[in-house]
Protein backbone atom coordinates (compact mmCIF):
# COMPACT_ATOMS: atom_id res chain seq x y z
CA MET A 1 4.89 39.91 40.33
CA SER A 2 2.67 38.95 37.41
CA GLU A 3 2.40 35.38 36.27
CA SER A 4 3.46 34.62 32.66
CA LYS A 5 0.91 33.14 30.28
CA TYR A 6 2.64 29.78 30.70
CA GLY A 7 2.75 29.93 34.47
CA ARG A 8 -0.09 27.45 34.93
CA ILE A 9 1.69 24.64 33.05
CA LYS A 10 2.86 22.04 35.56
CA ARG A 11 4.70 19.70 33.21
CA VAL A 12 5.37 19.00 29.57
CA ARG A 13 6.37 15.52 28.48
CA ARG A 14 6.52 13.41 25.35
CA GLY A 15 3.51 11.13 24.99
CA LYS A 16 3.15 7.65 23.47
CA GLY A 17 6.77 6.68 23.39
CA SER A 18 9.82 5.83 25.37
CA GLY A 19 9.90 9.22 27.03
CA LYS A 20 13.12 10.20 25.23
CA LEU A 21 13.49 13.33 23.16
CA PHE A 22 14.07 13.05 19.43
CA THR A 23 17.63 13.75 18.45
CA PRO A 24 18.05 16.20 15.57
CA GLN A 25 19.34 13.34 13.41
CA GLU A 26 16.25 11.16 14.10
CA LEU A 27 13.95 14.06 13.25
CA LYS A 28 15.92 14.84 10.07
CA THR A 29 15.79 11.19 8.96
CA TYR A 30 12.03 11.07 9.46
CA LEU A 31 11.42 14.35 7.62
CA ASP A 32 13.81 13.44 4.79
CA GLY A 33 11.90 10.18 4.23
CA GLU A 34 8.55 11.98 4.08
CA LEU A 35 9.89 14.68 1.77
CA PHE A 36 11.53 12.10 -0.51
CA GLU A 37 8.18 10.33 -0.97
CA LEU A 38 6.53 13.69 -1.60
CA ALA A 39 9.14 14.57 -4.25
CA LYS A 40 8.52 11.24 -6.04
CA GLN A 41 4.76 11.89 -6.14
CA ILE A 42 5.25 15.42 -7.47
CA LYS A 43 7.63 14.18 -10.21
CA GLU A 44 5.19 11.46 -11.29
CA PHE A 45 2.40 14.05 -11.52
CA ILE A 46 4.55 16.42 -13.59
CA ILE A 47 5.46 13.64 -16.04
CA ALA A 48 1.84 12.47 -16.35
CA GLU A 49 0.63 16.05 -16.98
CA ALA A 50 3.34 16.69 -19.58
CA GLU A 51 2.50 13.43 -21.38
CA LYS A 52 -1.21 14.29 -21.66
CA GLY A 53 -2.22 14.80 -25.25
CA GLY A 54 1.14 13.68 -26.60
CA ARG A 55 1.69 10.79 -28.96
CA HIS A 56 4.67 9.30 -27.16
CA LYS A 57 5.29 8.51 -23.52
CA PHE A 58 8.38 10.04 -21.93
CA ARG A 59 9.24 6.80 -20.14
CA LYS A 60 11.08 5.68 -23.29
CA ASP A 61 13.27 8.79 -23.40
CA GLY A 62 16.44 7.15 -22.16
CA ARG A 63 19.23 8.74 -20.15
CA GLY A 64 18.96 12.36 -21.21
CA GLY A 65 15.19 12.38 -21.65
CA PHE A 66 12.37 14.20 -19.92
CA VAL A 67 11.90 11.67 -17.08
CA ASN A 68 15.56 11.51 -16.05
CA SER A 69 16.11 15.26 -16.47
CA THR A 70 13.13 16.23 -14.30
CA GLU A 71 14.13 16.68 -10.66
CA VAL A 72 12.14 17.64 -7.57
CA GLU A 73 14.04 18.54 -4.41
CA PHE A 74 13.14 20.10 -1.10
CA THR A 75 15.44 22.89 0.04
CA THR A 76 15.39 25.26 2.99
CA ASP A 77 13.63 27.78 0.72
CA GLY A 78 10.91 25.37 -0.44
CA VAL A 79 10.46 23.02 -3.35
CA GLU A 80 12.85 23.23 -6.31
CA ILE A 81 11.60 21.72 -9.59
CA THR A 82 14.12 21.39 -12.44
CA LEU A 83 12.74 20.66 -15.91
CA PRO A 84 14.59 20.00 -19.19
CA GLU A 85 14.54 22.58 -22.01
CA GLN A 86 11.94 20.45 -23.80
CA ALA A 87 9.40 21.41 -21.09
CA TYR A 88 9.34 25.00 -22.36
CA TYR A 89 8.22 23.87 -25.81
CA ILE A 90 5.63 21.50 -24.38
CA GLU A 91 4.24 24.29 -22.19
CA GLN A 92 4.36 27.11 -24.74
CA GLY A 93 4.14 25.21 -28.02
CA ARG A 94 5.91 26.51 -31.09
CA LYS A 95 4.54 29.22 -33.38
CA PRO A 96 4.49 28.68 -37.15
CA LEU A 97 7.33 30.28 -39.11
CA ALA A 98 9.50 30.57 -36.00
CA LYS A 99 13.10 29.40 -35.85
CA LYS A 100 13.47 25.89 -37.29
CA VAL A 101 14.01 22.91 -35.00
CA PRO A 102 17.59 21.58 -35.39
CA ILE A 103 17.73 18.53 -37.68
CA GLN A 104 20.01 16.68 -35.22
CA ALA A 105 17.36 16.92 -32.47
CA ILE A 106 14.73 15.47 -34.80
CA ILE A 107 17.07 12.67 -35.93
CA LYS A 108 17.77 11.80 -32.29
CA TRP A 109 14.01 11.74 -31.62
CA LEU A 110 13.36 9.53 -34.69
CA LYS A 111 15.99 7.05 -33.57
CA ARG A 112 14.78 7.02 -29.96
CA TYR A 113 11.23 6.09 -31.00
CA ARG A 114 12.34 4.03 -34.02
CA ILE A 115 10.17 6.00 -36.41
CA LEU A 116 10.73 5.06 -40.03
CA GLY A 117 9.64 6.75 -43.23
CA ARG A 118 7.15 5.16 -45.63
CA ASP A 119 7.55 4.44 -49.29
CA LYS A 120 5.26 6.74 -51.35
CA ARG A 121 4.11 4.04 -53.78
CA SER A 122 3.65 0.98 -51.58
CA GLY A 123 2.99 2.69 -48.24
CA LYS A 124 5.30 0.20 -46.53
CA TYR A 125 7.96 1.26 -44.05
CA ARG A 126 11.38 1.79 -45.59
CA LYS A 127 14.53 0.24 -44.21
CA THR A 128 16.47 2.72 -42.15
CA SER A 129 19.38 4.34 -43.83
CA ALA A 130 21.07 7.67 -43.28
CA ALA A 131 19.27 9.09 -46.32
CA SER A 132 15.81 7.94 -45.20
CA ILE A 133 16.32 9.26 -41.65
CA ASN A 134 17.59 12.59 -42.99
CA SER A 135 14.68 12.98 -45.42
CA THR A 136 12.14 12.09 -42.70
CA ALA A 137 13.77 14.54 -40.29
CA TRP A 138 13.74 17.26 -42.94
CA ALA A 139 10.02 16.65 -43.65
CA ILE A 140 9.21 16.86 -39.91
CA GLN A 141 11.30 20.03 -39.57
CA GLN A 142 9.41 21.67 -42.46
CA SER A 143 6.04 20.63 -41.02
CA ILE A 144 6.89 22.10 -37.61
CA TYR A 145 8.19 25.26 -39.30
CA LYS A 146 4.99 25.72 -41.35
CA ASN A 147 2.37 24.54 -38.83
CA GLY A 148 4.01 24.98 -35.43
CA ILE A 149 3.36 22.73 -32.43
CA LYS A 150 0.25 22.97 -30.26
CA ALA A 151 0.93 23.95 -26.64
CA ARG A 152 0.14 21.46 -23.86
CA PRO A 153 0.31 23.53 -20.67
CA PHE A 154 1.16 21.46 -17.59
CA ILE A 155 3.27 23.63 -15.29
CA GLN A 156 0.44 25.48 -13.49
CA ALA A 157 -1.41 22.22 -12.83
CA SER A 158 1.83 20.75 -11.45
CA LEU A 159 2.38 23.76 -9.16
CA ASP A 160 -1.21 23.54 -7.89
CA PHE A 161 -0.79 19.82 -7.21
CA THR A 162 2.50 20.44 -5.37
CA GLU A 163 0.93 23.10 -3.15
CA GLN A 164 -2.09 20.90 -2.41
CA LEU A 165 0.05 17.84 -1.64
CA ILE A 166 2.37 19.73 0.70
CA SER A 167 -0.51 21.25 2.67
CA GLN A 168 -2.18 17.82 2.86
CA VAL A 169 1.00 16.22 4.22
CA ILE A 170 1.40 18.99 6.78
CA ASP A 171 -2.24 18.69 7.89
CA GLU A 172 -2.55 14.90 7.86
CA ILE A 173 0.95 13.63 8.75
CA MET A 174 3.23 16.22 10.31
CA ILE A 175 0.85 18.06 12.64
CA PRO A 176 -0.66 14.83 14.07
CA GLU A 177 2.89 13.51 14.63
CA ILE A 178 3.84 16.68 16.48
CA ILE A 179 0.64 16.54 18.54
CA GLN A 180 1.38 12.91 19.50
CA ILE A 181 4.85 13.91 20.65
CA VAL A 182 3.76 16.71 23.01
CA GLU A 183 1.42 16.30 25.95
CA PHE A 184 0.43 19.28 28.09
CA SER A 185 -0.82 19.17 31.67
CA PHE A 186 -2.41 22.26 33.19
CA SER A 187 -2.97 23.01 36.86
CA ASP A 188 -6.42 23.81 38.14
CA LYS A 189 -7.36 27.49 38.13
CA LYS A 190 -7.75 28.81 41.71
């Protein structure tokens, strides 16, 4: 009878601990905590990359803005990153003479950042009124229509960061934890 390749192992036990086995729930809690921290770091990187080169920070977006609409979750298939529609236009930009940006979206943006129009003669900011907001929004819409918006690609850099971070966590945290849990003892070869 031939000996299996594991036939020389005398014992296998958990090292550096109480000697108990991890329950599936304890292991899940530990992994969920690590993955949650990882997801937070990935989201922060995505937001920082998307903000690069922009005039306004997304942190002021409010409830439905870029920061609150960006989600990073770990699933059984891998990492799932959900971005708002705005991310497409940041990544790709907007070509001149393409479809016009809706006025309501620009008005919402003006109000969110409290951007006011200026008086042509004095150069001072005008008091906000429906007419001034509408005329400012129309001017911005026409400028975007004529000139477009420059692209600020960030998605590939975010994917590269995610891949690098996950492999780093596996190499530096998970594998050493697994190695600490398992201790092998081999019998002497005769």
